[in-house]
Amino acid sequence: MRLIIATLVALSISVSTFAKTGSDLDEKTVKIEKVGDKKVELKFLAVPSSKVLVRIKDENSSVIFKDIISSDKLFAKKYDLSALADGEYKFEVFTPEQGTIQNKDLFVGTKKVKADFFTKVKVLDDNNIAFLVKSTDESKKFVRILDQGNVIFEQEFDGNKFGKVFKFEKVASLDNLVFEVRNEEGQGKYISAL
């Protein structure tokens, strides 16, 4: 009799743990992005209702890193994976209420990949720069402009073309600007303005 009661209690706890609570966490609000050869960023675009567990697994599905995050606000967290060997890794994000929210395979390290886009920077005058990106595919790309290492513009785009004229009024020198274009895997290139 005790065994039956204990089994029912355990079953009810496990069912309530995995039931959705009305929180809107999903793949659109929880993003895992590669931001460098061995750097990954986790972004929460919604407030988690409880603790969040992040696990990184190797090719053999062995857990090599675990992180428990408690936050009552939107957050982003970067993971430096430079101590890991190059290879495929699985990133899992889940909460007790919703179970697995995000499960993504990423290659950590440097892949020899041909750039799948063409970029051009043209200085129009002392304050204006035209920036053009043409791609061979329709996948998502990210454009950032950095001034002395600080991000002053960031935008993502889908499709095979991106073009914009930027007016810089509060920049000390156009010589310090760096334009970055990268894909979802974190592969990309940097272009100096001049």
Protein backbone atom coordinates (compact mmCIF):
# COMPACT_ATOMS: atom_id res chain seq x y z
CA MET A 1 0.00 0.00 0.00
CA ARG A 2 2.81 2.41 0.87
CA LEU A 3 4.49 1.60 -2.44
CA ILE A 4 1.34 2.50 -4.37
CA ILE A 5 0.92 5.80 -2.48
CA ALA A 6 4.62 6.66 -2.96
CA THR A 7 4.34 5.88 -6.67
CA LEU A 8 1.25 8.07 -7.06
CA VAL A 9 2.90 10.97 -5.21
CA ALA A 10 6.05 10.69 -7.37
CA LEU A 11 3.95 10.52 -10.53
CA SER A 12 1.92 13.62 -9.56
CA ILE A 13 5.11 15.56 -8.78
CA SER A 14 6.70 14.63 -12.10
CA VAL A 15 3.52 15.52 -14.04
CA SER A 16 3.25 18.91 -12.31
CA THR A 17 6.95 19.58 -12.94
CA PHE A 18 6.58 19.18 -16.69
CA ALA A 19 3.25 20.96 -17.09
CA LYS A 20 3.39 24.35 -18.81
CA THR A 21 2.77 27.27 -16.52
CA GLY A 22 1.66 29.87 -19.01
CA SER A 23 5.16 31.23 -19.42
CA ASP A 24 5.96 32.10 -23.03
CA LEU A 25 9.46 30.63 -23.21
CA ASP A 26 10.11 28.94 -26.55
CA GLU A 27 12.70 28.90 -29.34
CA LYS A 28 11.75 32.47 -30.29
CA THR A 29 12.31 33.89 -26.82
CA VAL A 30 15.37 31.79 -25.91
CA LYS A 31 18.22 32.09 -28.40
CA ILE A 32 21.59 30.37 -28.55
CA GLU A 33 23.97 32.10 -30.94
CA LYS A 34 27.57 31.48 -31.82
CA VAL A 35 29.37 34.84 -31.53
CA GLY A 36 32.89 33.64 -32.32
CA ASP A 37 34.84 30.48 -33.04
CA LYS A 38 34.66 29.38 -29.42
CA LYS A 39 32.10 31.75 -27.90
CA VAL A 40 28.38 31.21 -27.53
CA GLU A 41 25.74 33.62 -26.23
CA LEU A 42 22.49 32.62 -24.54
CA LYS A 43 19.76 35.28 -24.75
CA PHE A 44 16.48 35.28 -22.83
CA LEU A 45 13.97 37.64 -24.45
CA ALA A 46 11.35 36.79 -21.81
CA VAL A 47 11.57 36.62 -18.03
CA PRO A 48 11.99 33.03 -16.82
CA SER A 49 9.49 32.04 -14.14
CA SER A 50 12.01 29.78 -12.38
CA LYS A 51 15.59 28.61 -12.50
CA VAL A 52 17.04 27.83 -15.92
CA LEU A 53 19.41 24.92 -16.47
CA VAL A 54 21.96 25.05 -19.28
CA ARG A 55 23.88 21.91 -20.19
CA ILE A 56 26.64 21.48 -22.75
CA LYS A 57 27.18 17.94 -24.02
CA ASP A 58 29.97 16.52 -26.17
CA GLU A 59 29.63 14.19 -29.17
CA ASN A 60 29.14 11.22 -26.79
CA SER A 61 26.23 13.00 -25.02
CA SER A 62 28.31 13.34 -21.85
CA VAL A 63 27.56 16.50 -19.87
CA ILE A 64 30.76 18.55 -19.81
CA PHE A 65 29.30 21.76 -18.37
CA LYS A 66 26.21 22.66 -16.36
CA ASP A 67 24.98 26.10 -15.38
CA ILE A 68 21.98 27.02 -13.23
CA ILE A 69 20.72 30.56 -13.78
CA SER A 70 18.31 32.44 -11.51
CA SER A 71 17.01 35.71 -12.93
CA ASP A 72 13.90 37.81 -12.56
CA LYS A 73 14.60 39.89 -15.66
CA LEU A 74 15.68 39.57 -19.28
CA PHE A 75 19.30 38.51 -19.59
CA ALA A 76 22.08 37.39 -21.89
CA LYS A 77 25.05 35.27 -20.89
CA LYS A 78 28.19 34.50 -22.86
CA TYR A 79 30.08 31.22 -22.61
CA ASP A 80 33.79 31.09 -23.47
CA LEU A 81 34.49 27.59 -24.75
CA SER A 82 38.15 28.10 -25.66
CA ALA A 83 39.17 25.23 -23.32
CA LEU A 84 37.16 22.75 -25.42
CA ALA A 85 38.54 20.87 -28.40
CA ASP A 86 37.11 21.70 -31.82
CA GLY A 87 34.01 19.63 -32.52
CA GLU A 88 30.24 19.30 -32.34
CA TYR A 89 28.54 20.13 -29.04
CA LYS A 90 24.89 20.12 -27.96
CA PHE A 91 23.48 23.04 -25.98
CA GLU A 92 20.35 22.31 -23.94
CA VAL A 93 18.26 24.91 -22.10
CA PHE A 94 15.33 23.89 -19.94
CA THR A 95 13.22 24.83 -16.95
CA PRO A 96 11.40 22.54 -14.50
CA GLU A 97 8.00 23.88 -15.61
CA GLN A 98 8.43 23.62 -19.38
CA GLY A 99 11.08 21.00 -19.84
CA THR A 100 13.41 21.49 -22.81
CA ILE A 101 13.07 24.94 -24.36
CA GLN A 102 16.06 24.97 -26.69
CA ASN A 103 18.22 22.12 -27.95
CA LYS A 104 20.87 23.18 -30.45
CA ASP A 105 23.88 21.52 -32.05
CA LEU A 106 26.82 23.85 -32.69
CA PHE A 107 30.32 23.35 -34.03
CA VAL A 108 32.86 24.87 -31.64
CA GLY A 109 36.13 25.89 -33.23
CA THR A 110 37.31 27.08 -36.58
CA LYS A 111 35.89 25.58 -39.74
CA LYS A 112 37.55 26.37 -43.01
CA VAL A 113 34.53 27.81 -44.76
CA LYS A 114 34.44 30.01 -47.80
CA ALA A 115 32.70 33.31 -47.09
CA ASP A 116 29.23 33.14 -48.56
CA PHE A 117 28.86 36.88 -48.90
CA PHE A 118 30.44 39.90 -50.55
CA THR A 119 30.79 43.18 -48.66
CA LYS A 120 31.66 46.70 -49.69
CA VAL A 121 32.20 49.88 -47.66
CA LYS A 122 32.29 53.22 -49.42
CA VAL A 123 33.03 56.54 -47.71
CA LEU A 124 30.67 59.13 -49.20
CA ASP A 125 31.92 62.16 -47.24
CA ASP A 126 33.24 63.10 -43.77
CA ASN A 127 30.13 61.75 -41.97
CA ASN A 128 28.45 59.25 -44.34
CA ILE A 129 29.39 55.70 -45.22
CA ALA A 130 27.53 53.32 -47.54
CA PHE A 131 27.63 49.63 -46.59
CA LEU A 132 26.53 46.79 -48.90
CA VAL A 133 26.28 43.03 -48.31
CA LYS A 134 25.40 40.50 -51.01
CA SER A 135 25.01 36.86 -50.10
CA THR A 136 24.75 33.60 -52.02
CA ASP A 137 21.97 32.31 -49.76
CA GLU A 138 18.83 33.50 -47.97
CA SER A 139 19.96 32.59 -44.43
CA LYS A 140 19.98 34.99 -41.49
CA LYS A 141 22.99 37.33 -41.24
CA PHE A 142 24.07 39.79 -38.57
CA VAL A 143 25.59 43.22 -39.20
CA ARG A 144 27.41 45.18 -36.48
CA ILE A 145 29.38 48.41 -36.50
CA LEU A 146 32.02 48.92 -33.84
CA ASP A 147 33.73 52.16 -32.85
CA GLN A 148 36.93 51.51 -30.89
CA GLY A 149 35.56 48.13 -29.79
CA ASN A 150 32.12 49.43 -28.73
CA VAL A 151 29.03 48.30 -30.65
CA ILE A 152 27.22 51.34 -32.04
CA PHE A 153 24.88 49.54 -34.47
CA GLU A 154 23.52 45.99 -34.66
CA GLN A 155 20.91 44.49 -36.98
CA GLU A 156 20.01 41.10 -38.37
CA PHE A 157 18.60 40.49 -41.81
CA ASP A 158 17.23 37.65 -43.92
CA GLY A 159 17.66 37.43 -47.63
CA ASN A 160 20.63 37.86 -49.90
CA LYS A 161 21.03 41.68 -49.86
CA PHE A 162 21.57 44.37 -47.25
CA GLY A 163 22.45 47.97 -47.95
CA LYS A 164 22.36 51.12 -45.90
CA VAL A 165 23.89 54.59 -45.74
CA PHE A 166 25.05 55.44 -42.22
CA LYS A 167 25.50 59.00 -40.94
CA PHE A 168 28.05 59.27 -38.15
CA GLU A 169 27.94 62.55 -36.22
CA LYS A 170 29.28 61.51 -32.81
CA VAL A 171 32.21 59.41 -33.99
CA ALA A 172 35.68 60.85 -33.47
CA SER A 173 37.07 59.36 -36.68
CA LEU A 174 35.78 57.11 -39.42
CA ASP A 175 39.20 55.40 -39.31
CA ASN A 176 38.22 53.64 -36.06
CA LEU A 177 35.02 52.06 -37.44
CA VAL A 178 34.85 48.34 -38.07
CA PHE A 179 31.96 46.68 -39.91
CA GLU A 180 31.21 43.04 -39.06
CA VAL A 181 29.06 40.60 -41.02
CA ARG A 182 28.49 37.06 -39.74
CA ASN A 183 26.06 34.20 -40.20
CA GLU A 184 24.19 32.21 -37.52
CA GLU A 185 27.17 29.88 -37.04
CA GLY A 186 29.33 32.87 -36.09
CA GLN A 187 31.38 32.76 -39.28
CA GLY A 188 32.01 36.09 -40.86
CA LYS A 189 34.45 38.87 -41.54
CA TYR A 190 35.45 42.33 -40.41
CA ILE A 191 35.83 45.27 -42.75
CA SER A 192 37.52 48.55 -41.89
CA ALA A 193 35.75 51.71 -43.05
CA LEU A 194 38.87 53.17 -44.64
